[in-house]
Amino acid sequence: MVTALPVSALSVARLLPVAWPVSVVQLLAFIPWLSVPAGASLVLAAASRRPWAVGATAGLLTLQLVWLFPPAFWLPGAPTADPTVKVTVMSINALYGQANARDIVRLVRENDVAVLAVQEHSAALERGLTAAGLDDFLPHRVSKPESNASGSALYSRFPLQLLDTVPGTEFQIHTVRTVVQGPEGAATAEFTNVHAMPPIEAPPARWRSDLARIAGIGHRSGNQVLLGDFNATYDHAEFRRLLDGDSGGKQLVDVGVSAGARLSPTWPMRGFPLPGIVIDHIVTSPGIRHVSYDVRAVEGSDHAAVLAELRIPVDR
């Protein structure tokens, strides 16, 4: 039962949606991997032939599996009767602009990406992307490169209109509007390039504030797509609150969760010898369907790129 104790302690923290200190917030990111020690605890309990131990560890493992495959994974997608426009989106945290530009452009080309969000965007990376031919695929951009981690860029196949920038955040968070064109018609959508403050300060107040502000964008009217580095996982109550909203209205969709990719980590791809976690997300309004979801490594970055093929309802 020794292996069950840390699993039980962290599970209690996952169950209680309180403002935990930064150390607990960081540990909660690794909840998906608790199914491994929880399973080991059940095997050891079965070997001991103690009914109470078997029951307790079986319940603990069941809890981990429910969190690993939450209701969002089992629920059907949005109705498909109305016409929709296909758009493939991609996001990558470029690690101070060190991500390989040719690698990014290759993924854009091979996956027919129409909207690309880049966090930690630098002037050198922007030049590299242009030299690698990104402008041939995505000629429109809203870009503000920086030498630190606050740089940001949105590239698109379609013209972009900058709507707003979230004020008072450490990193730039831009929202743009575009009209996605396809054989079925045109669909107006808003895309937000997300980069939330990581939960490293004590207390992590700015992290919570960033997620709350991002939630306000996601729950605006119209077709909303939030993509980028949220620095939060589905196991953080703050992220689930972002999806749920405060009004009890529409619930946003985490495409990775819905696709069953909770064990497809997006960070760290290099450096820290840690179990991978999912902190990069593609989140959409409930009326937007997703057809596919993928996580792909990018040379030079400690984050993976996340991609999704979406279907956005045609404008009425």
C-alpha atoms as a PDB file:
ATOM      1  CA  MET A   1       0.000   0.000   0.000  1.00  0.00           C
ATOM      2  CA  VAL A   2       3.052   2.278   0.136  1.00  0.00           C
ATOM      3  CA  THR A   3       2.725   2.960  -3.596  1.00  0.00           C
ATOM      4  CA  ALA A   4      -0.904   3.989  -3.114  1.00  0.00           C
ATOM      5  CA  LEU A   5      -0.161   6.733  -0.576  1.00  0.00           C
ATOM      6  CA  PRO A   6       1.280   9.389  -2.946  1.00  0.00           C
ATOM      7  CA  VAL A   7      -1.389   8.518  -5.523  1.00  0.00           C
ATOM      8  CA  SER A   8      -4.084   9.003  -2.884  1.00  0.00           C
ATOM      9  CA  ALA A   9      -2.630  12.316  -1.687  1.00  0.00           C
ATOM     10  CA  LEU A  10      -2.407  13.808  -5.181  1.00  0.00           C
ATOM     11  CA  SER A  11      -5.852  12.441  -6.048  1.00  0.00           C
ATOM     12  CA  VAL A  12      -7.335  14.349  -3.114  1.00  0.00           C
ATOM     13  CA  ALA A  13      -5.702  17.515  -4.467  1.00  0.00           C
ATOM     14  CA  ARG A  14      -7.192  16.767  -7.905  1.00  0.00           C
ATOM     15  CA  LEU A  15     -10.649  16.272  -6.395  1.00  0.00           C
ATOM     16  CA  LEU A  16     -10.691  19.528  -4.428  1.00  0.00           C
ATOM     17  CA  PRO A  17     -10.862  22.599  -6.721  1.00  0.00           C
ATOM     18  CA  VAL A  18      -9.077  24.976  -4.373  1.00  0.00           C
ATOM     19  CA  ALA A  19      -6.279  27.492  -4.957  1.00  0.00           C
ATOM     20  CA  TRP A  20      -3.397  25.139  -4.216  1.00  0.00           C
ATOM     21  CA  PRO A  21       0.153  26.454  -3.677  1.00  0.00           C
ATOM     22  CA  VAL A  22       2.552  26.334  -6.580  1.00  0.00           C
ATOM     23  CA  SER A  23       4.199  23.038  -5.561  1.00  0.00           C
ATOM     24  CA  VAL A  24       0.846  21.208  -5.677  1.00  0.00           C
ATOM     25  CA  VAL A  25      -0.141  22.948  -8.917  1.00  0.00           C
ATOM     26  CA  GLN A  26       3.032  21.638 -10.545  1.00  0.00           C
ATOM     27  CA  LEU A  27       2.497  18.085  -9.264  1.00  0.00           C
ATOM     28  CA  LEU A  28      -1.096  18.042 -10.526  1.00  0.00           C
ATOM     29  CA  ALA A  29       0.211  18.273 -14.093  1.00  0.00           C
ATOM     30  CA  PHE A  30       1.464  14.684 -13.790  1.00  0.00           C
ATOM     31  CA  ILE A  31      -1.901  13.182 -12.787  1.00  0.00           C
ATOM     32  CA  PRO A  32      -2.294  11.178 -16.062  1.00  0.00           C
ATOM     33  CA  TRP A  33       0.743   9.079 -15.177  1.00  0.00           C
ATOM     34  CA  LEU A  34      -0.648   8.096 -11.756  1.00  0.00           C
ATOM     35  CA  SER A  35      -2.477   5.224 -13.435  1.00  0.00           C
ATOM     36  CA  VAL A  36       0.873   3.388 -13.477  1.00  0.00           C
ATOM     37  CA  PRO A  37       1.506   3.364  -9.689  1.00  0.00           C
ATOM     38  CA  ALA A  38      -2.242   2.963  -9.115  1.00  0.00           C
ATOM     39  CA  GLY A  39      -2.183  -0.195 -11.246  1.00  0.00           C
ATOM     40  CA  ALA A  40       0.907  -1.440  -9.405  1.00  0.00           C
ATOM     41  CA  SER A  41      -0.868  -0.846  -6.091  1.00  0.00           C
ATOM     42  CA  LEU A  42      -3.804  -2.975  -7.233  1.00  0.00           C
ATOM     43  CA  VAL A  43      -1.469  -5.831  -8.236  1.00  0.00           C
ATOM     44  CA  LEU A  44       0.276  -5.710  -4.866  1.00  0.00           C
ATOM     45  CA  ALA A  45      -3.049  -5.562  -3.036  1.00  0.00           C
ATOM     46  CA  ALA A  46      -4.307  -8.581  -4.973  1.00  0.00           C
ATOM     47  CA  ALA A  47      -1.173 -10.479  -4.028  1.00  0.00           C
ATOM     48  CA  SER A  48      -1.795  -9.694  -0.358  1.00  0.00           C
ATOM     49  CA  ARG A  49      -5.315 -11.165  -0.613  1.00  0.00           C
ATOM     50  CA  ARG A  50      -6.736  -8.459   1.607  1.00  0.00           C
ATOM     51  CA  PRO A  51     -10.227  -7.563   0.353  1.00  0.00           C
ATOM     52  CA  TRP A  52     -10.152  -4.050   1.801  1.00  0.00           C
ATOM     53  CA  ALA A  53      -6.826  -3.319   0.103  1.00  0.00           C
ATOM     54  CA  VAL A  54      -8.064  -4.692  -3.227  1.00  0.00           C
ATOM     55  CA  GLY A  55     -11.227  -2.597  -3.010  1.00  0.00           C
ATOM     56  CA  ALA A  56      -9.373   0.586  -2.097  1.00  0.00           C
ATOM     57  CA  THR A  57      -6.714   0.262  -4.802  1.00  0.00           C
ATOM     58  CA  ALA A  58      -9.290  -0.781  -7.416  1.00  0.00           C
ATOM     59  CA  GLY A  59     -11.254   2.374  -6.638  1.00  0.00           C
ATOM     60  CA  LEU A  60      -8.093   4.439  -6.856  1.00  0.00           C
ATOM     61  CA  LEU A  61      -7.222   2.991 -10.268  1.00  0.00           C
ATOM     62  CA  THR A  62     -10.784   3.527 -11.502  1.00  0.00           C
ATOM     63  CA  LEU A  63     -10.553   7.171 -10.484  1.00  0.00           C
ATOM     64  CA  GLN A  64      -7.333   7.603 -12.492  1.00  0.00           C
ATOM     65  CA  LEU A  65      -8.912   6.009 -15.569  1.00  0.00           C
ATOM     66  CA  VAL A  66     -11.975   8.249 -15.324  1.00  0.00           C
ATOM     67  CA  TRP A  67      -9.674  11.272 -15.276  1.00  0.00           C
ATOM     68  CA  LEU A  68      -7.592   9.848 -18.104  1.00  0.00           C
ATOM     69  CA  PHE A  69     -10.701   9.391 -20.278  1.00  0.00           C
ATOM     70  CA  PRO A  70     -13.148  12.035 -18.973  1.00  0.00           C
ATOM     71  CA  PRO A  71     -16.720  12.535 -20.221  1.00  0.00           C
ATOM     72  CA  ALA A  72     -15.439  14.860 -22.972  1.00  0.00           C
ATOM     73  CA  PHE A  73     -13.791  11.815 -24.561  1.00  0.00           C
ATOM     74  CA  TRP A  74     -17.021   9.812 -24.726  1.00  0.00           C
ATOM     75  CA  LEU A  75     -19.468  12.532 -25.716  1.00  0.00           C
ATOM     76  CA  PRO A  76     -20.430  12.713 -29.416  1.00  0.00           C
ATOM     77  CA  GLY A  77     -19.227  15.614 -31.538  1.00  0.00           C
ATOM     78  CA  ALA A  78     -21.279  18.562 -32.677  1.00  0.00           C
ATOM     79  CA  PRO A  79     -24.104  17.970 -35.193  1.00  0.00           C
ATOM     80  CA  THR A  80     -22.953  17.567 -38.778  1.00  0.00           C
ATOM     81  CA  ALA A  81     -26.108  18.524 -40.707  1.00  0.00           C
ATOM     82  CA  ASP A  82     -25.076  22.143 -41.373  1.00  0.00           C
ATOM     83  CA  PRO A  83     -22.316  22.862 -43.914  1.00  0.00           C
ATOM     84  CA  THR A  84     -18.834  23.493 -42.554  1.00  0.00           C
ATOM     85  CA  VAL A  85     -15.483  24.728 -43.812  1.00  0.00           C
ATOM     86  CA  LYS A  86     -12.312  22.715 -43.261  1.00  0.00           C
ATOM     87  CA  VAL A  87      -9.330  24.422 -41.642  1.00  0.00           C
ATOM     88  CA  THR A  88      -6.192  22.819 -40.222  1.00  0.00           C
ATOM     89  CA  VAL A  89      -4.541  24.731 -37.395  1.00  0.00           C
ATOM     90  CA  MET A  90      -1.150  24.334 -35.740  1.00  0.00           C
ATOM     91  CA  SER A  91       0.572  25.813 -32.704  1.00  0.00           C
ATOM     92  CA  ILE A  92       4.201  25.730 -31.606  1.00  0.00           C
ATOM     93  CA  ASN A  93       6.093  27.279 -28.711  1.00  0.00           C
ATOM     94  CA  ALA A  94       9.384  28.097 -30.436  1.00  0.00           C
ATOM     95  CA  LEU A  95      11.595  28.289 -27.299  1.00  0.00           C
ATOM     96  CA  TYR A  96      12.938  31.840 -27.639  1.00  0.00           C
ATOM     97  CA  GLY A  97      12.767  31.449 -31.419  1.00  0.00           C
ATOM     98  CA  GLN A  98      15.156  28.474 -31.451  1.00  0.00           C
ATOM     99  CA  ALA A  99      12.696  26.106 -33.171  1.00  0.00           C
ATOM    100  CA  ASN A 100      13.875  24.933 -36.578  1.00  0.00           C
ATOM    101  CA  ALA A 101      12.128  27.074 -39.205  1.00  0.00           C
ATOM    102  CA  ARG A 102      12.416  24.424 -41.934  1.00  0.00           C
ATOM    103  CA  ASP A 103      10.825  21.877 -39.613  1.00  0.00           C
ATOM    104  CA  ILE A 104       7.881  24.201 -38.946  1.00  0.00           C
ATOM    105  CA  VAL A 105       7.359  24.947 -42.642  1.00  0.00           C
ATOM    106  CA  ARG A 106       7.556  21.232 -43.465  1.00  0.00           C
ATOM    107  CA  LEU A 107       4.752  20.498 -41.003  1.00  0.00           C
ATOM    108  CA  VAL A 108       2.686  23.358 -42.448  1.00  0.00           C
ATOM    109  CA  ARG A 109       3.164  22.042 -45.976  1.00  0.00           C
ATOM    110  CA  GLU A 110       2.616  18.353 -45.238  1.00  0.00           C
ATOM    111  CA  ASN A 111      -0.523  18.962 -43.162  1.00  0.00           C
ATOM    112  CA  ASP A 112      -2.069  21.725 -45.271  1.00  0.00           C
ATOM    113  CA  VAL A 113      -2.064  24.060 -42.277  1.00  0.00           C
ATOM    114  CA  ALA A 114      -4.137  27.219 -42.839  1.00  0.00           C
ATOM    115  CA  VAL A 115      -3.562  28.963 -39.492  1.00  0.00           C
ATOM    116  CA  LEU A 116      -0.293  28.815 -37.533  1.00  0.00           C
ATOM    117  CA  ALA A 117       0.251  30.229 -34.036  1.00  0.00           C
ATOM    118  CA  VAL A 118       3.799  30.739 -32.782  1.00  0.00           C
ATOM    119  CA  GLN A 119       4.703  31.566 -29.195  1.00  0.00           C
ATOM    120  CA  GLU A 120       8.145  32.801 -28.088  1.00  0.00           C
ATOM    121  CA  HIS A 121       8.545  34.219 -31.581  1.00  0.00           C
ATOM    122  CA  SER A 122      11.752  36.070 -32.472  1.00  0.00           C
ATOM    123  CA  ALA A 123      12.905  38.246 -35.362  1.00  0.00           C
ATOM    124  CA  ALA A 124      15.471  35.590 -36.320  1.00  0.00           C
ATOM    125  CA  LEU A 125      12.777  32.919 -36.466  1.00  0.00           C
ATOM    126  CA  GLU A 126      10.571  35.188 -38.565  1.00  0.00           C
ATOM    127  CA  ARG A 127      13.383  35.639 -41.069  1.00  0.00           C
ATOM    128  CA  GLY A 128      14.022  31.895 -41.039  1.00  0.00           C
ATOM    129  CA  LEU A 129      10.366  31.079 -41.683  1.00  0.00           C
ATOM    130  CA  THR A 130      10.287  33.483 -44.625  1.00  0.00           C
ATOM    131  CA  ALA A 131      13.517  32.021 -46.036  1.00  0.00           C
ATOM    132  CA  ALA A 132      12.069  28.496 -45.656  1.00  0.00           C
ATOM    133  CA  GLY A 133       9.050  29.484 -47.748  1.00  0.00           C
ATOM    134  CA  LEU A 134       6.302  29.939 -45.155  1.00  0.00           C
ATOM    135  CA  ASP A 135       4.964  33.021 -46.955  1.00  0.00           C
ATOM    136  CA  ASP A 136       4.144  30.846 -49.967  1.00  0.00           C
ATOM    137  CA  PHE A 137       1.661  28.869 -47.844  1.00  0.00           C
ATOM    138  CA  LEU A 138       0.590  31.451 -45.250  1.00  0.00           C
ATOM    139  CA  PRO A 139       1.028  34.934 -46.744  1.00  0.00           C
ATOM    140  CA  HIS A 140      -0.873  36.862 -44.033  1.00  0.00           C
ATOM    141  CA  ARG A 141       0.441  37.496 -40.541  1.00  0.00           C
ATOM    142  CA  VAL A 142       0.030  39.445 -37.317  1.00  0.00           C
ATOM    143  CA  SER A 143       3.449  39.355 -35.759  1.00  0.00           C
ATOM    144  CA  LYS A 144       5.348  40.996 -32.933  1.00  0.00           C
ATOM    145  CA  PRO A 145       8.675  39.224 -32.472  1.00  0.00           C
ATOM    146  CA  GLU A 146      10.674  39.779 -29.295  1.00  0.00           C
ATOM    147  CA  SER A 147      14.086  38.675 -28.033  1.00  0.00           C
ATOM    148  CA  ASN A 148      12.506  37.251 -24.875  1.00  0.00           C
ATOM    149  CA  ALA A 149       9.688  34.743 -24.418  1.00  0.00           C
ATOM    150  CA  SER A 150       6.908  37.290 -25.037  1.00  0.00           C
ATOM    151  CA  GLY A 151       7.116  37.263 -28.852  1.00  0.00           C
ATOM    152  CA  SER A 152       4.032  36.131 -30.754  1.00  0.00           C
ATOM    153  CA  ALA A 153       2.883  35.540 -34.328  1.00  0.00           C
ATOM    154  CA  LEU A 154      -0.204  34.325 -36.147  1.00  0.00           C
ATOM    155  CA  TYR A 155       0.205  33.259 -39.786  1.00  0.00           C
ATOM    156  CA  SER A 156      -2.750  32.537 -42.064  1.00  0.00           C
ATOM    157  CA  ARG A 157      -3.783  31.571 -45.564  1.00  0.00           C
ATOM    158  CA  PHE A 158      -6.556  34.164 -45.267  1.00  0.00           C
ATOM    159  CA  PRO A 159      -6.403  37.909 -44.463  1.00  0.00           C
ATOM    160  CA  LEU A 160      -6.259  38.683 -40.747  1.00  0.00           C
ATOM    161  CA  GLN A 161      -7.797  41.478 -38.701  1.00  0.00           C
ATOM    162  CA  LEU A 162      -6.231  42.104 -35.293  1.00  0.00           C
ATOM    163  CA  LEU A 163      -9.075  42.422 -32.790  1.00  0.00           C
ATOM    164  CA  ASP A 164      -7.338  42.891 -29.469  1.00  0.00           C
ATOM    165  CA  THR A 165      -4.437  42.013 -27.215  1.00  0.00           C
ATOM    166  CA  VAL A 166      -4.949  40.890 -23.621  1.00  0.00           C
ATOM    167  CA  PRO A 167      -3.564  43.704 -21.421  1.00  0.00           C
ATOM    168  CA  GLY A 168      -1.341  43.196 -18.407  1.00  0.00           C
ATOM    169  CA  THR A 169       0.075  39.793 -19.323  1.00  0.00           C
ATOM    170  CA  GLU A 170       3.736  38.772 -19.309  1.00  0.00           C
ATOM    171  CA  PHE A 171       3.413  37.253 -22.785  1.00  0.00           C
ATOM    172  CA  GLN A 172       1.531  38.614 -25.780  1.00  0.00           C
ATOM    173  CA  ILE A 173      -1.922  37.110 -26.326  1.00  0.00           C
ATOM    174  CA  HIS A 174      -3.422  38.319 -29.611  1.00  0.00           C
ATOM    175  CA  THR A 175      -6.857  37.609 -31.073  1.00  0.00           C
ATOM    176  CA  VAL A 176      -7.457  37.910 -34.811  1.00  0.00           C
ATOM    177  CA  ARG A 177     -10.525  37.507 -36.971  1.00  0.00           C
ATOM    178  CA  THR A 178     -10.503  35.903 -40.390  1.00  0.00           C
ATOM    179  CA  VAL A 179     -12.923  34.504 -42.928  1.00  0.00           C
ATOM    180  CA  VAL A 180     -12.048  30.925 -43.814  1.00  0.00           C
ATOM    181  CA  GLN A 181     -12.954  30.124 -47.399  1.00  0.00           C
ATOM    182  CA  GLY A 182     -13.832  26.683 -48.732  1.00  0.00           C
ATOM    183  CA  PRO A 183     -15.955  24.898 -51.342  1.00  0.00           C
ATOM    184  CA  GLU A 184     -18.855  24.850 -48.876  1.00  0.00           C
ATOM    185  CA  GLY A 185     -18.802  28.620 -48.356  1.00  0.00           C
ATOM    186  CA  ALA A 186     -17.202  31.048 -45.913  1.00  0.00           C
ATOM    187  CA  ALA A 187     -16.868  30.836 -42.140  1.00  0.00           C
ATOM    188  CA  THR A 188     -15.911  33.721 -39.867  1.00  0.00           C
ATOM    189  CA  ALA A 189     -13.758  32.704 -36.920  1.00  0.00           C
ATOM    190  CA  GLU A 190     -11.559  34.262 -34.267  1.00  0.00           C
ATOM    191  CA  PHE A 191      -8.174  32.765 -33.406  1.00  0.00           C
ATOM    192  CA  THR A 192      -6.333  33.546 -30.177  1.00  0.00           C
ATOM    193  CA  ASN A 193      -2.617  32.867 -29.817  1.00  0.00           C
ATOM    194  CA  VAL A 194      -2.374  31.752 -26.179  1.00  0.00           C
ATOM    195  CA  HIS A 195       0.692  31.976 -23.977  1.00  0.00           C
ATOM    196  CA  ALA A 196      -0.147  31.935 -20.283  1.00  0.00           C
ATOM    197  CA  MET A 197       2.296  32.587 -17.480  1.00  0.00           C
ATOM    198  CA  PRO A 198       3.704  29.295 -16.123  1.00  0.00           C
ATOM    199  CA  PRO A 199       2.863  28.420 -12.501  1.00  0.00           C
ATOM    200  CA  ILE A 200       6.337  29.026 -11.089  1.00  0.00           C
ATOM    201  CA  GLU A 201       5.784  31.942  -8.737  1.00  0.00           C
ATOM    202  CA  ALA A 202       4.434  31.557  -5.213  1.00  0.00           C
ATOM    203  CA  PRO A 203       1.522  32.035  -5.147  1.00  0.00           C
ATOM    204  CA  PRO A 204       0.828  31.517  -8.871  1.00  0.00           C
ATOM    205  CA  ALA A 205      -1.548  34.473  -9.059  1.00  0.00           C
ATOM    206  CA  ARG A 206      -0.529  35.654 -12.536  1.00  0.00           C
ATOM    207  CA  TRP A 207      -0.993  32.123 -13.908  1.00  0.00           C
ATOM    208  CA  ARG A 208      -4.549  32.044 -12.603  1.00  0.00           C
ATOM    209  CA  SER A 209      -5.208  35.572 -13.831  1.00  0.00           C
ATOM    210  CA  ASP A 210      -3.994  34.728 -17.352  1.00  0.00           C
ATOM    211  CA  LEU A 211      -6.206  31.645 -17.559  1.00  0.00           C
ATOM    212  CA  ALA A 212      -9.229  33.618 -16.355  1.00  0.00           C
ATOM    213  CA  ARG A 213      -8.668  36.285 -19.019  1.00  0.00           C
ATOM    214  CA  ILE A 214      -8.216  33.649 -21.717  1.00  0.00           C
ATOM    215  CA  ALA A 215     -11.483  32.055 -20.590  1.00  0.00           C
ATOM    216  CA  GLY A 216     -13.236  35.364 -21.177  1.00  0.00           C
ATOM    217  CA  ILE A 217     -12.072  35.333 -24.798  1.00  0.00           C
ATOM    218  CA  GLY A 218     -13.080  31.720 -25.394  1.00  0.00           C
ATOM    219  CA  HIS A 219     -16.623  32.293 -24.193  1.00  0.00           C
ATOM    220  CA  ARG A 220     -17.295  35.241 -26.461  1.00  0.00           C
ATOM    221  CA  SER A 221     -19.913  34.794 -29.166  1.00  0.00           C
ATOM    222  CA  GLY A 222     -18.997  33.399 -32.558  1.00  0.00           C
ATOM    223  CA  ASN A 223     -16.541  30.692 -33.589  1.00  0.00           C
ATOM    224  CA  GLN A 224     -13.605  30.800 -31.208  1.00  0.00           C
ATOM    225  CA  VAL A 225     -10.335  28.873 -31.532  1.00  0.00           C
ATOM    226  CA  LEU A 226      -7.768  29.200 -28.735  1.00  0.00           C
ATOM    227  CA  LEU A 227      -4.419  27.593 -29.497  1.00  0.00           C
ATOM    228  CA  GLY A 228      -1.054  27.766 -27.859  1.00  0.00           C
ATOM    229  CA  ASP A 229       0.862  27.226 -24.638  1.00  0.00           C
ATOM    230  CA  PHE A 230      -1.638  27.379 -21.769  1.00  0.00           C
ATOM    231  CA  ASN A 231       0.980  26.185 -19.235  1.00  0.00           C
ATOM    232  CA  ALA A 232      -1.860  24.186 -17.691  1.00  0.00           C
ATOM    233  CA  THR A 233      -3.234  20.685 -18.060  1.00  0.00           C
ATOM    234  CA  TYR A 234      -6.732  19.251 -17.965  1.00  0.00           C
ATOM    235  CA  ASP A 235      -6.031  18.146 -14.392  1.00  0.00           C
ATOM    236  CA  HIS A 236      -5.818  21.741 -13.167  1.00  0.00           C
ATOM    237  CA  ALA A 237      -9.142  23.027 -11.899  1.00  0.00           C
ATOM    238  CA  GLU A 238      -8.253  26.432 -13.358  1.00  0.00           C
ATOM    239  CA  PHE A 239      -8.037  24.966 -16.861  1.00  0.00           C
ATOM    240  CA  ARG A 240     -11.284  23.023 -16.493  1.00  0.00           C
ATOM    241  CA  ARG A 241     -12.898  26.239 -15.258  1.00  0.00           C
ATOM    242  CA  LEU A 242     -11.641  27.908 -18.441  1.00  0.00           C
ATOM    243  CA  LEU A 243     -13.473  25.271 -20.465  1.00  0.00           C
ATOM    244  CA  ASP A 244     -16.640  25.445 -18.375  1.00  0.00           C
ATOM    245  CA  GLY A 245     -16.997  29.210 -18.093  1.00  0.00           C
ATOM    246  CA  ASP A 246     -18.680  30.969 -15.194  1.00  0.00           C
ATOM    247  CA  SER A 247     -22.152  31.435 -16.631  1.00  0.00           C
ATOM    248  CA  GLY A 248     -23.120  27.805 -17.016  1.00  0.00           C
ATOM    249  CA  GLY A 249     -23.480  28.324 -20.760  1.00  0.00           C
ATOM    250  CA  LYS A 250     -21.481  26.746 -23.570  1.00  0.00           C
ATOM    251  CA  GLN A 251     -18.587  24.498 -22.649  1.00  0.00           C
ATOM    252  CA  LEU A 252     -15.436  24.845 -24.717  1.00  0.00           C
ATOM    253  CA  VAL A 253     -13.866  21.736 -26.238  1.00  0.00           C
ATOM    254  CA  ASP A 254     -10.277  20.691 -25.616  1.00  0.00           C
ATOM    255  CA  VAL A 255      -9.530  18.890 -28.876  1.00  0.00           C
ATOM    256  CA  GLY A 256      -6.691  16.822 -27.396  1.00  0.00           C
ATOM    257  CA  VAL A 257      -8.842  15.564 -24.515  1.00  0.00           C
ATOM    258  CA  SER A 258     -11.731  14.781 -26.849  1.00  0.00           C
ATOM    259  CA  ALA A 259      -9.341  12.900 -29.150  1.00  0.00           C
ATOM    260  CA  GLY A 260      -8.076  10.727 -26.278  1.00  0.00           C
ATOM    261  CA  ALA A 261      -4.554  12.193 -26.374  1.00  0.00           C
ATOM    262  CA  ARG A 262      -4.056  12.731 -22.651  1.00  0.00           C
ATOM    263  CA  LEU A 263      -0.866  10.639 -22.804  1.00  0.00           C
ATOM    264  CA  SER A 264       0.532  12.423 -25.874  1.00  0.00           C
ATOM    265  CA  PRO A 265       2.797  14.933 -24.114  1.00  0.00           C
ATOM    266  CA  THR A 266       3.653  18.320 -25.569  1.00  0.00           C
ATOM    267  CA  TRP A 267       6.393  19.201 -23.022  1.00  0.00           C
ATOM    268  CA  PRO A 268       9.247  18.650 -22.279  1.00  0.00           C
ATOM    269  CA  MET A 269      10.554  17.367 -25.587  1.00  0.00           C
ATOM    270  CA  ARG A 270      14.141  17.814 -24.385  1.00  0.00           C
ATOM    271  CA  GLY A 271      16.070  18.868 -21.327  1.00  0.00           C
ATOM    272  CA  PHE A 272      14.220  17.916 -18.156  1.00  0.00           C
ATOM    273  CA  PRO A 273      14.062  14.133 -17.447  1.00  0.00           C
ATOM    274  CA  LEU A 274      10.371  14.269 -16.578  1.00  0.00           C
ATOM    275  CA  PRO A 275       7.294  12.331 -17.668  1.00  0.00           C
ATOM    276  CA  GLY A 276       5.728  14.357 -20.473  1.00  0.00           C
ATOM    277  CA  ILE A 277       2.682  16.516 -19.816  1.00  0.00           C
ATOM    278  CA  VAL A 278       0.106  18.228 -22.046  1.00  0.00           C
ATOM    279  CA  ILE A 279       0.296  21.997 -21.614  1.00  0.00           C
ATOM    280  CA  ASP A 280      -0.177  22.997 -25.266  1.00  0.00           C
ATOM    281  CA  HIS A 281      -3.804  22.874 -26.365  1.00  0.00           C
ATOM    282  CA  ILE A 282      -6.268  23.577 -29.142  1.00  0.00           C
ATOM    283  CA  VAL A 283      -9.568  24.694 -27.614  1.00  0.00           C
ATOM    284  CA  THR A 284     -12.679  25.512 -29.626  1.00  0.00           C
ATOM    285  CA  SER A 285     -16.256  26.667 -29.339  1.00  0.00           C
ATOM    286  CA  PRO A 286     -18.655  23.694 -29.064  1.00  0.00           C
ATOM    287  CA  GLY A 287     -20.064  24.309 -32.546  1.00  0.00           C
ATOM    288  CA  ILE A 288     -16.682  23.619 -34.149  1.00  0.00           C
ATOM    289  CA  ARG A 289     -16.002  19.952 -34.882  1.00  0.00           C
ATOM    290  CA  HIS A 290     -12.575  18.350 -34.981  1.00  0.00           C
ATOM    291  CA  VAL A 291     -11.707  15.586 -37.416  1.00  0.00           C
ATOM    292  CA  SER A 292      -8.122  14.861 -36.363  1.00  0.00           C
ATOM    293  CA  TYR A 293      -5.535  15.788 -33.758  1.00  0.00           C
ATOM    294  CA  ASP A 294      -1.788  15.218 -33.746  1.00  0.00           C
ATOM    295  CA  VAL A 295       1.306  16.028 -31.694  1.00  0.00           C
ATOM    296  CA  ARG A 296       4.573  16.406 -33.603  1.00  0.00           C
ATOM    297  CA  ALA A 297       8.122  17.079 -32.417  1.00  0.00           C
ATOM    298  CA  VAL A 298       9.905  20.153 -33.769  1.00  0.00           C
ATOM    299  CA  GLU A 299      13.681  20.322 -33.799  1.00  0.00           C
ATOM    300  CA  GLY A 300      15.104  23.037 -31.559  1.00  0.00           C
ATOM    301  CA  SER A 301      12.091  23.427 -29.247  1.00  0.00           C
ATOM    302  CA  ASP A 302      11.267  21.836 -25.917  1.00  0.00           C
ATOM    303  CA  HIS A 303       7.582  21.928 -26.917  1.00  0.00           C
ATOM    304  CA  ALA A 304       5.872  19.757 -29.500  1.00  0.00           C
ATOM    305  CA  ALA A 305       3.629  21.226 -32.154  1.00  0.00           C
ATOM    306  CA  VAL A 306      -0.076  20.468 -31.843  1.00  0.00           C
ATOM    307  CA  LEU A 307      -2.235  20.206 -34.965  1.00  0.00           C
ATOM    308  CA  ALA A 308      -5.938  19.705 -35.548  1.00  0.00           C
ATOM    309  CA  GLU A 309      -8.233  19.560 -38.549  1.00  0.00           C
ATOM    310  CA  LEU A 310     -11.345  21.528 -37.690  1.00  0.00           C
ATOM    311  CA  ARG A 311     -14.745  21.990 -39.300  1.00  0.00           C
ATOM    312  CA  ILE A 312     -16.146  25.488 -38.746  1.00  0.00           C
ATOM    313  CA  PRO A 313     -19.850  26.186 -39.423  1.00  0.00           C
ATOM    314  CA  VAL A 314     -20.479  28.223 -42.555  1.00  0.00           C
ATOM    315  CA  ASP A 315     -21.774  31.770 -42.014  1.00  0.00           C
ATOM    316  CA  ARG A 316     -25.534  32.044 -42.282  1.00  0.00           C
END
